[in-house]
């Protein structure tokens, strides 16, 4: 009957299906001695496990080894039952390695040592029970296939635990980012406590970066690990520590090479909300084509334009009041005199400097200035009027005269 079981088993079946049942009976009395030798050998040969075996670690190791040997014999005797019910021990061993801050190298090495010791002791017991070469061969295959499954269980447990830990860390970092951006600002002790939970060190300087919200996940994978990310106010937000630190500007440029993005000024973390406000306005300007989309845009480089954009309704009122006298001109004449007026204000009335800015002869500049005085009267001599006029002219130039 034993011979029939060995020969009749399908080639692609689990190898322990082919092990004669009598060998399980022969091996079982040896399990305590095999377990003790495996535990002792692992303790000697795996540096991470080289510790006293009287405490919780030793108990856990002995339970794991004993359960592995018991389940192996159960598979030989009842292969249709499968391993699902016994996997939790080895899933938990994998999780435990992560929780101890170790890689899986030591645990997988322990499995290999266990397989080596088990095979030597099991083979001796099987030979004593009359096992021939074919039966020993399938027994060896079964042991090493079984150890592969235990190893796979522990890898799965390790990966699951790592995924949960990373998910928790990402969630805490997202919550921290939202706490930093809160208005009114969160209390500093609250931020420090949240930062500890998120495994994040508050920097001296922090800048907010804005990108389209649908790009945030992909962008986050390219940003340095200390950057906090979260969706916020309809956009993607990245809080960048030490934004001007060595190599950091280049890192940000590389990360945003295909993504429109704008960054606000760096400053104390308590001012991150202000940095974000500027970055978001700059991003909206990028998306609407009002700022050039060439790499990462620095909001500080476009403050005047951003102010005009934010105050658009008020600026429109100023344009209507200060530029009304230009309305009767032809489009060409209006454009020429608006440029002249802006040059006059920028160059503080210096005709020679105006001529250079306009690329015209000084006499032409003086002639145009005379035309301006006819249009604008004493506005050119009133400080408040000049300020509003320059705002209106710069806004008109930025929008192309619309």
Foldseek 3Di string as FASTA:
>chain_A
DLVCQQPVDDPPDQLLSNARLVLLVLCVVCLVVLLVVLLVVLLVPQVVNVDDLPDPSVVLSSVVSSLLSVVLSVCNVPVVVDCVVPLPSLLVVLLVCVVVVHDCVSVLVSLVSSLVSCLVSSLVSVVVVPDDPSNNVSVNVNSVVSSVVSSVSSVVSNVVNVVVVVVQLLVLLQVLVCQLQDVVHDDPVVSVVSCVSNVADFAQKKKKKWFQAVCQVVLCVQADPRWRWYDDPRIIIIIDHPCVDPPNVVSQQVSCVPTQMEMFDMHGSNCRNVRNVLRVLVSVCVVVVLDDRHTYHYSVVCVLVSVCVVCVVVLVVLLCVLVVLLVPPDPVLSVVLLLLLLLCLVVVNDLVSSCVVVVHDSVVSVVSVVVVCVRRPCLSVDVVSSVSSNSNSVVCVSVVND
